[in-house]
């Protein structure tokens, strides 16, 4: 399983064939996992990927499943399993 590589940043365009964009408001995106792609943190399959360029973010409710975090210089990724 190919793992999302965040060593040199993250570009959703590198993985566009394996991720479906569900929501995009410019600085924040939610993507759905569509194919054989591993979490950048643990390497396991995942359901959704939340990507933000904001330095801070809040959620109304916490994810109701296990999640991982990954950080690049410009983005924070929250991955739900």
PDB file of N, CA and C in Angstrom:
ATOM      1  N   UNK A   1       0.846  -1.174   0.000  1.00  0.00           N
ATOM      2  CA  UNK A   1       0.000   0.000   0.000  1.00  0.00           C
ATOM      3  C   UNK A   1       0.892   1.238   0.000  1.00  0.00           C
ATOM      4  N   UNK A   2       0.654   2.124  -0.948  1.00  0.00           N
ATOM      5  CA  UNK A   2       1.388   3.382  -1.018  1.00  0.00           C
ATOM      6  C   UNK A   2       0.968   4.274   0.143  1.00  0.00           C
ATOM      7  N   UNK A   3       1.936   4.838   0.830  1.00  0.00           N
ATOM      8  CA  UNK A   3       1.682   5.727   1.966  1.00  0.00           C
ATOM      9  C   UNK A   3       1.758   7.185   1.497  1.00  0.00           C
ATOM     10  N   UNK A   4       0.864   8.041   1.981  1.00  0.00           N
ATOM     11  CA  UNK A   4       0.941   9.468   1.655  1.00  0.00           C
ATOM     12  C   UNK A   4       2.259  10.006   2.203  1.00  0.00           C
ATOM     13  N   UNK A   5       3.041  10.632   1.349  1.00  0.00           N
ATOM     14  CA  UNK A   5       4.349  11.163   1.723  1.00  0.00           C
ATOM     15  C   UNK A   5       4.215  12.643   2.065  1.00  0.00           C
ATOM     16  N   UNK A   6       4.580  13.011   3.276  1.00  0.00           N
ATOM     17  CA  UNK A   6       4.507  14.407   3.706  1.00  0.00           C
ATOM     18  C   UNK A   6       5.893  14.978   4.011  1.00  0.00           C
ATOM     19  N   UNK A   7       6.948  14.264   3.630  1.00  0.00           N
ATOM     20  CA  UNK A   7       8.313  14.734   3.910  1.00  0.00           C
ATOM     21  C   UNK A   7       8.613  16.078   3.269  1.00  0.00           C
ATOM     22  N   UNK A   8       8.110  16.305   2.070  1.00  0.00           N
ATOM     23  CA  UNK A   8       8.355  17.572   1.365  1.00  0.00           C
ATOM     24  C   UNK A   8       7.067  18.363   1.195  1.00  0.00           C
ATOM     25  N   UNK A   9       6.156  18.270   2.164  1.00  0.00           N
ATOM     26  CA  UNK A   9       4.866  18.944   2.081  1.00  0.00           C
ATOM     27  C   UNK A   9       3.792  17.969   1.617  1.00  0.00           C
ATOM     28  N   UNK A  10       2.602  18.492   1.378  1.00  0.00           N
ATOM     29  CA  UNK A  10       1.493  17.672   0.902  1.00  0.00           C
ATOM     30  C   UNK A  10       0.756  18.408  -0.200  1.00  0.00           C
ATOM     31  N   UNK A  11       0.550  17.724  -1.306  1.00  0.00           N
ATOM     32  CA  UNK A  11      -0.254  18.246  -2.400  1.00  0.00           C
ATOM     33  C   UNK A  11      -1.307  17.202  -2.736  1.00  0.00           C
ATOM     34  N   UNK A  12      -2.583  17.576  -2.617  1.00  0.00           N
ATOM     35  CA  UNK A  12      -3.644  16.617  -2.923  1.00  0.00           C
ATOM     36  C   UNK A  12      -3.622  16.230  -4.397  1.00  0.00           C
ATOM     37  N   UNK A  13      -3.013  17.054  -5.228  1.00  0.00           N
ATOM     38  CA  UNK A  13      -2.947  16.771  -6.659  1.00  0.00           C
ATOM     39  C   UNK A  13      -2.077  15.550  -6.954  1.00  0.00           C
ATOM     40  N   UNK A  14      -1.098  15.270  -6.103  1.00  0.00           N
ATOM     41  CA  UNK A  14      -0.264  14.086  -6.273  1.00  0.00           C
ATOM     42  C   UNK A  14      -1.078  12.803  -6.105  1.00  0.00           C
ATOM     43  N   UNK A  15      -2.177  12.872  -5.348  1.00  0.00           N
ATOM     44  CA  UNK A  15      -2.974  11.694  -5.017  1.00  0.00           C
ATOM     45  C   UNK A  15      -4.401  11.798  -5.555  1.00  0.00           C
ATOM     46  N   UNK A  16      -4.645  12.675  -6.517  1.00  0.00           N
ATOM     47  CA  UNK A  16      -6.006  12.959  -6.980  1.00  0.00           C
ATOM     48  C   UNK A  16      -6.747  11.735  -7.504  1.00  0.00           C
ATOM     49  N   UNK A  17      -6.047  10.745  -8.023  1.00  0.00           N
ATOM     50  CA  UNK A  17      -6.710   9.536  -8.524  1.00  0.00           C
ATOM     51  C   UNK A  17      -7.180   8.639  -7.376  1.00  0.00           C
ATOM     52  N   UNK A  18      -6.642   8.851  -6.185  1.00  0.00           N
ATOM     53  CA  UNK A  18      -6.962   7.991  -5.047  1.00  0.00           C
ATOM     54  C   UNK A  18      -7.783   8.691  -3.973  1.00  0.00           C
ATOM     55  N   UNK A  19      -8.020   9.996  -4.128  1.00  0.00           N
ATOM     56  CA  UNK A  19      -8.790  10.776  -3.181  1.00  0.00           C
ATOM     57  C   UNK A  19      -9.898  11.529  -3.909  1.00  0.00           C
ATOM     58  N   UNK A  20     -11.057  11.614  -3.285  1.00  0.00           N
ATOM     59  CA  UNK A  20     -12.162  12.384  -3.862  1.00  0.00           C
ATOM     60  C   UNK A  20     -12.385  13.619  -2.998  1.00  0.00           C
ATOM     61  N   UNK A  21     -12.356  14.784  -3.610  1.00  0.00           N
ATOM     62  CA  UNK A  21     -12.590  16.035  -2.897  1.00  0.00           C
ATOM     63  C   UNK A  21     -14.067  16.141  -2.539  1.00  0.00           C
ATOM     64  N   UNK A  22     -14.367  16.249  -1.247  1.00  0.00           N
ATOM     65  CA  UNK A  22     -15.741  16.384  -0.770  1.00  0.00           C
ATOM     66  C   UNK A  22     -16.104  17.825  -0.464  1.00  0.00           C
ATOM     67  N   UNK A  23     -15.128  18.582   0.055  1.00  0.00           N
ATOM     68  CA  UNK A  23     -15.395  19.964   0.450  1.00  0.00           C
ATOM     69  C   UNK A  23     -14.109  20.768   0.340  1.00  0.00           C
ATOM     70  N   UNK A  24     -14.233  21.991  -0.158  1.00  0.00           N
ATOM     71  CA  UNK A  24     -13.065  22.862  -0.311  1.00  0.00           C
ATOM     72  C   UNK A  24     -13.504  24.304  -0.108  1.00  0.00           C
ATOM     73  N   UNK A  25     -12.973  24.955   0.931  1.00  0.00           N
ATOM     74  CA  UNK A  25     -13.303  26.370   1.125  1.00  0.00           C
ATOM     75  C   UNK A  25     -12.077  27.255   0.938  1.00  0.00           C
ATOM     76  N   UNK A  26     -11.090  26.748   0.233  1.00  0.00           N
ATOM     77  CA  UNK A  26      -9.889  27.530  -0.049  1.00  0.00           C
ATOM     78  C   UNK A  26      -8.714  27.156   0.824  1.00  0.00           C
ATOM     79  N   UNK A  27      -8.873  27.277   2.135  1.00  0.00           N
ATOM     80  CA  UNK A  27      -7.794  26.955   3.069  1.00  0.00           C
ATOM     81  C   UNK A  27      -7.992  25.619   3.767  1.00  0.00           C
ATOM     82  N   UNK A  28      -9.170  25.041   3.625  1.00  0.00           N
ATOM     83  CA  UNK A  28      -9.496  23.779   4.286  1.00  0.00           C
ATOM     84  C   UNK A  28     -10.179  22.855   3.285  1.00  0.00           C
ATOM     85  N   UNK A  29      -9.760  21.585   3.303  1.00  0.00           N
ATOM     86  CA  UNK A  29     -10.332  20.598   2.386  1.00  0.00           C
ATOM     87  C   UNK A  29     -10.649  19.307   3.137  1.00  0.00           C
ATOM     88  N   UNK A  30     -11.710  18.635   2.695  1.00  0.00           N
ATOM     89  CA  UNK A  30     -12.037  17.301   3.193  1.00  0.00           C
ATOM     90  C   UNK A  30     -12.043  16.376   1.989  1.00  0.00           C
ATOM     91  N   UNK A  31     -11.279  15.293   2.110  1.00  0.00           N
ATOM     92  CA  UNK A  31     -11.154  14.340   1.010  1.00  0.00           C
ATOM     93  C   UNK A  31     -11.542  12.943   1.488  1.00  0.00           C
ATOM     94  N   UNK A  32     -12.087  12.160   0.583  1.00  0.00           N
ATOM     95  CA  UNK A  32     -12.479  10.789   0.871  1.00  0.00           C
ATOM     96  C   UNK A  32     -11.468   9.850   0.233  1.00  0.00           C
ATOM     97  N   UNK A  33     -11.065   8.836   0.982  1.00  0.00           N
ATOM     98  CA  UNK A  33     -10.139   7.826   0.486  1.00  0.00           C
ATOM     99  C   UNK A  33     -10.863   6.921  -0.494  1.00  0.00           C
ATOM    100  N   UNK A  34     -10.333   6.753  -1.701  1.00  0.00           N
ATOM    101  CA  UNK A  34     -11.003   5.973  -2.742  1.00  0.00           C
ATOM    102  C   UNK A  34     -10.233   4.736  -3.170  1.00  0.00           C
ATOM    103  N   UNK A  35      -8.974   4.613  -2.830  1.00  0.00           N
ATOM    104  CA  UNK A  35      -8.154   3.533  -3.370  1.00  0.00           C
ATOM    105  C   UNK A  35      -7.093   3.131  -2.352  1.00  0.00           C
ATOM    106  N   UNK A  36      -6.186   2.293  -2.772  1.00  0.00           N
ATOM    107  CA  UNK A  36      -5.161   1.709  -1.924  1.00  0.00           C
ATOM    108  C   UNK A  36      -4.104   2.749  -1.545  1.00  0.00           C
ATOM    109  N   UNK A  37      -4.364   3.479  -0.463  1.00  0.00           N
ATOM    110  CA  UNK A  37      -3.488   4.556  -0.023  1.00  0.00           C
ATOM    111  C   UNK A  37      -3.382   4.502   1.492  1.00  0.00           C
ATOM    112  N   UNK A  38      -2.169   4.610   2.015  1.00  0.00           N
ATOM    113  CA  UNK A  38      -1.951   4.509   3.449  1.00  0.00           C
ATOM    114  C   UNK A  38      -1.820   5.857   4.130  1.00  0.00           C
ATOM    115  N   UNK A  39      -2.218   5.887   5.389  1.00  0.00           N
ATOM    116  CA  UNK A  39      -2.108   7.067   6.245  1.00  0.00           C
ATOM    117  C   UNK A  39      -0.639   7.492   6.350  1.00  0.00           C
ATOM    118  N   UNK A  40      -0.352   8.798   6.307  1.00  0.00           N
ATOM    119  CA  UNK A  40       1.035   9.248   6.428  1.00  0.00           C
ATOM    120  C   UNK A  40       1.628   8.993   7.808  1.00  0.00           C
ATOM    121  N   UNK A  41       0.788   8.831   8.829  1.00  0.00           N
ATOM    122  CA  UNK A  41       1.280   8.616  10.189  1.00  0.00           C
ATOM    123  C   UNK A  41       1.509   7.146  10.516  1.00  0.00           C
ATOM    124  N   UNK A  42       0.476   6.316  10.276  1.00  0.00           N
ATOM    125  CA  UNK A  42       0.560   4.915  10.690  1.00  0.00           C
ATOM    126  C   UNK A  42       0.659   3.926   9.535  1.00  0.00           C
ATOM    127  N   UNK A  43       0.391   4.381   8.309  1.00  0.00           N
ATOM    128  CA  UNK A  43       0.488   3.514   7.145  1.00  0.00           C
ATOM    129  C   UNK A  43      -0.749   2.684   6.856  1.00  0.00           C
ATOM    130  N   UNK A  44      -1.746   2.726   7.744  1.00  0.00           N
ATOM    131  CA  UNK A  44      -2.965   1.936   7.565  1.00  0.00           C
ATOM    132  C   UNK A  44      -3.959   2.644   6.644  1.00  0.00           C
ATOM    133  N   UNK A  45      -4.915   1.887   6.123  1.00  0.00           N
ATOM    134  CA  UNK A  45      -5.988   2.466   5.307  1.00  0.00           C
ATOM    135  C   UNK A  45      -6.779   3.453   6.160  1.00  0.00           C
ATOM    136  N   UNK A  46      -7.431   4.414   5.519  1.00  0.00           N
ATOM    137  CA  UNK A  46      -8.195   5.427   6.240  1.00  0.00           C
ATOM    138  C   UNK A  46      -9.453   5.769   5.473  1.00  0.00           C
ATOM    139  N   UNK A  47     -10.371   6.504   6.128  1.00  0.00           N
ATOM    140  CA  UNK A  47     -11.641   6.899   5.513  1.00  0.00           C
ATOM    141  C   UNK A  47     -11.587   8.299   4.925  1.00  0.00           C
ATOM    142  N   UNK A  48     -11.270   9.272   5.774  1.00  0.00           N
ATOM    143  CA  UNK A  48     -11.309  10.682   5.370  1.00  0.00           C
ATOM    144  C   UNK A  48     -10.005  11.372   5.734  1.00  0.00           C
ATOM    145  N   UNK A  49      -9.728  12.428   4.982  1.00  0.00           N
ATOM    146  CA  UNK A  49      -8.544  13.240   5.198  1.00  0.00           C
ATOM    147  C   UNK A  49      -8.982  14.701   5.259  1.00  0.00           C
ATOM    148  N   UNK A  50      -8.697  15.349   6.371  1.00  0.00           N
ATOM    149  CA  UNK A  50      -8.977  16.767   6.571  1.00  0.00           C
ATOM    150  C   UNK A  50      -7.645  17.494   6.462  1.00  0.00           C
ATOM    151  N   UNK A  51      -7.565  18.495   5.584  1.00  0.00           N
ATOM    152  CA  UNK A  51      -6.328  19.246   5.371  1.00  0.00           C
ATOM    153  C   UNK A  51      -6.624  20.720   5.566  1.00  0.00           C
ATOM    154  N   UNK A  52      -5.810  21.383   6.397  1.00  0.00           N
ATOM    155  CA  UNK A  52      -5.992  22.819   6.589  1.00  0.00           C
ATOM    156  C   UNK A  52      -4.648  23.531   6.536  1.00  0.00           C
ATOM    157  N   UNK A  53      -4.683  24.759   6.037  1.00  0.00           N
ATOM    158  CA  UNK A  53      -3.506  25.614   6.018  1.00  0.00           C
ATOM    159  C   UNK A  53      -3.520  26.587   7.198  1.00  0.00           C
ATOM    160  N   UNK A  54      -4.606  26.576   7.975  1.00  0.00           N
ATOM    161  CA  UNK A  54      -4.696  27.420   9.172  1.00  0.00           C
ATOM    162  C   UNK A  54      -3.763  26.875  10.254  1.00  0.00           C
ATOM    163  N   UNK A  55      -3.218  27.745  11.047  1.00  0.00           N
ATOM    164  CA  UNK A  55      -2.329  27.308  12.134  1.00  0.00           C
ATOM    165  C   UNK A  55      -3.105  26.676  13.275  1.00  0.00           C
ATOM    166  N   UNK A  56      -4.380  27.060  13.425  1.00  0.00           N
ATOM    167  CA  UNK A  56      -5.239  26.472  14.447  1.00  0.00           C
ATOM    168  C   UNK A  56      -6.585  26.134  13.817  1.00  0.00           C
ATOM    169  N   UNK A  57      -7.284  25.194  14.404  1.00  0.00           N
ATOM    170  CA  UNK A  57      -8.623  24.845  13.942  1.00  0.00           C
ATOM    171  C   UNK A  57      -9.395  24.220  15.089  1.00  0.00           C
ATOM    172  N   UNK A  58     -10.708  24.291  15.029  1.00  0.00           N
ATOM    173  CA  UNK A  58     -11.583  23.701  16.048  1.00  0.00           C
ATOM    174  C   UNK A  58     -12.628  22.842  15.358  1.00  0.00           C
ATOM    175  N   UNK A  59     -13.133  21.860  16.088  1.00  0.00           N
ATOM    176  CA  UNK A  59     -14.180  20.990  15.584  1.00  0.00           C
ATOM    177  C   UNK A  59     -15.355  21.046  16.543  1.00  0.00           C
ATOM    178  N   UNK A  60     -16.575  21.090  15.996  1.00  0.00           N
ATOM    179  CA  UNK A  60     -17.772  21.085  16.840  1.00  0.00           C
ATOM    180  C   UNK A  60     -17.870  19.791  17.630  1.00  0.00           C
ATOM    181  N   UNK A  61     -17.553  18.685  16.978  1.00  0.00           N
ATOM    182  CA  UNK A  61     -17.541  17.380  17.654  1.00  0.00           C
ATOM    183  C   UNK A  61     -16.264  16.667  17.262  1.00  0.00           C
ATOM    184  N   UNK A  62     -15.685  15.924  18.175  1.00  0.00           N
ATOM    185  CA  UNK A  62     -14.459  15.193  17.833  1.00  0.00           C
ATOM    186  C   UNK A  62     -14.795  14.024  16.901  1.00  0.00           C
ATOM    187  N   UNK A  63     -13.822  13.549  16.135  1.00  0.00           N
ATOM    188  CA  UNK A  63     -14.074  12.367  15.308  1.00  0.00           C
ATOM    189  C   UNK A  63     -14.548  11.208  16.185  1.00  0.00           C
ATOM    190  N   UNK A  64     -15.502  10.444  15.683  1.00  0.00           N
ATOM    191  CA  UNK A  64     -16.049   9.329  16.461  1.00  0.00           C
ATOM    192  C   UNK A  64     -15.335   8.023  16.144  1.00  0.00           C
ATOM    193  N   UNK A  65     -14.107   8.115  15.678  1.00  0.00           N
ATOM    194  CA  UNK A  65     -13.306   6.939  15.340  1.00  0.00           C
ATOM    195  C   UNK A  65     -11.838   7.278  15.562  1.00  0.00           C
ATOM    196  N   UNK A  66     -10.964   6.291  15.521  1.00  0.00           N
ATOM    197  CA  UNK A  66      -9.537   6.588  15.677  1.00  0.00           C
ATOM    198  C   UNK A  66      -9.058   7.563  14.599  1.00  0.00           C
ATOM    199  N   UNK A  67      -8.072   8.396  14.963  1.00  0.00           N
ATOM    200  CA  UNK A  67      -7.517   9.336  13.991  1.00  0.00           C
ATOM    201  C   UNK A  67      -6.026   9.520  14.211  1.00  0.00           C
ATOM    202  N   UNK A  68      -5.355   9.984  13.158  1.00  0.00           N
ATOM    203  CA  UNK A  68      -3.934  10.312  13.199  1.00  0.00           C
ATOM    204  C   UNK A  68      -3.766  11.756  12.769  1.00  0.00           C
ATOM    205  N   UNK A  69      -2.641  12.352  13.136  1.00  0.00           N
ATOM    206  CA  UNK A  69      -2.291  13.708  12.714  1.00  0.00           C
ATOM    207  C   UNK A  69      -0.948  13.668  11.998  1.00  0.00           C
ATOM    208  N   UNK A  70      -0.801  14.511  10.993  1.00  0.00           N
ATOM    209  CA  UNK A  70       0.477  14.688  10.308  1.00  0.00           C
ATOM    210  C   UNK A  70       0.630  16.183  10.048  1.00  0.00           C
ATOM    211  N   UNK A  71       1.851  16.678  10.113  1.00  0.00           N
ATOM    212  CA  UNK A  71       2.104  18.103   9.954  1.00  0.00           C
ATOM    213  C   UNK A  71       3.194  18.311   8.927  1.00  0.00           C
ATOM    214  N   UNK A  72       2.971  19.244   8.024  1.00  0.00           N
ATOM    215  CA  UNK A  72       4.024  19.710   7.123  1.00  0.00           C
ATOM    216  C   UNK A  72       4.337  21.140   7.536  1.00  0.00           C
ATOM    217  N   UNK A  73       5.240  21.786   6.830  1.00  0.00           N
ATOM    218  CA  UNK A  73       5.552  23.184   7.157  1.00  0.00           C
ATOM    219  C   UNK A  73       4.338  24.086   6.966  1.00  0.00           C
ATOM    220  N   UNK A  74       3.456  23.738   6.013  1.00  0.00           N
ATOM    221  CA  UNK A  74       2.339  24.617   5.678  1.00  0.00           C
ATOM    222  C   UNK A  74       0.962  24.060   5.998  1.00  0.00           C
ATOM    223  N   UNK A  75       0.858  22.762   6.278  1.00  0.00           N
ATOM    224  CA  UNK A  75      -0.462  22.155   6.429  1.00  0.00           C
ATOM    225  C   UNK A  75      -0.523  21.219   7.627  1.00  0.00           C
ATOM    226  N   UNK A  76      -1.737  21.096   8.160  1.00  0.00           N
ATOM    227  CA  UNK A  76      -2.044  20.113   9.188  1.00  0.00           C
ATOM    228  C   UNK A  76      -3.027  19.122   8.566  1.00  0.00           C
ATOM    229  N   UNK A  77      -2.763  17.829   8.734  1.00  0.00           N
ATOM    230  CA  UNK A  77      -3.616  16.777   8.201  1.00  0.00           C
ATOM    231  C   UNK A  77      -4.199  15.983   9.360  1.00  0.00           C
ATOM    232  N   UNK A  78      -5.502  15.795   9.362  1.00  0.00           N
ATOM    233  CA  UNK A  78      -6.178  14.931  10.317  1.00  0.00           C
ATOM    234  C   UNK A  78      -6.779  13.794   9.501  1.00  0.00           C
ATOM    235  N   UNK A  79      -6.406  12.571   9.852  1.00  0.00           N
ATOM    236  CA  UNK A  79      -6.798  11.401   9.091  1.00  0.00           C
ATOM    237  C   UNK A  79      -7.682  10.526   9.990  1.00  0.00           C
ATOM    238  N   UNK A  80      -8.914  10.245   9.549  1.00  0.00           N
ATOM    239  CA  UNK A  80      -9.795   9.381  10.347  1.00  0.00           C
ATOM    240  C   UNK A  80      -9.774   7.977   9.778  1.00  0.00           C
ATOM    241  N   UNK A  81      -9.793   7.014  10.689  1.00  0.00           N
ATOM    242  CA  UNK A  81      -9.756   5.586  10.306  1.00  0.00           C
ATOM    243  C   UNK A  81     -11.094   4.928  10.538  1.00  0.00           C
TER     244      UNK A  81
END
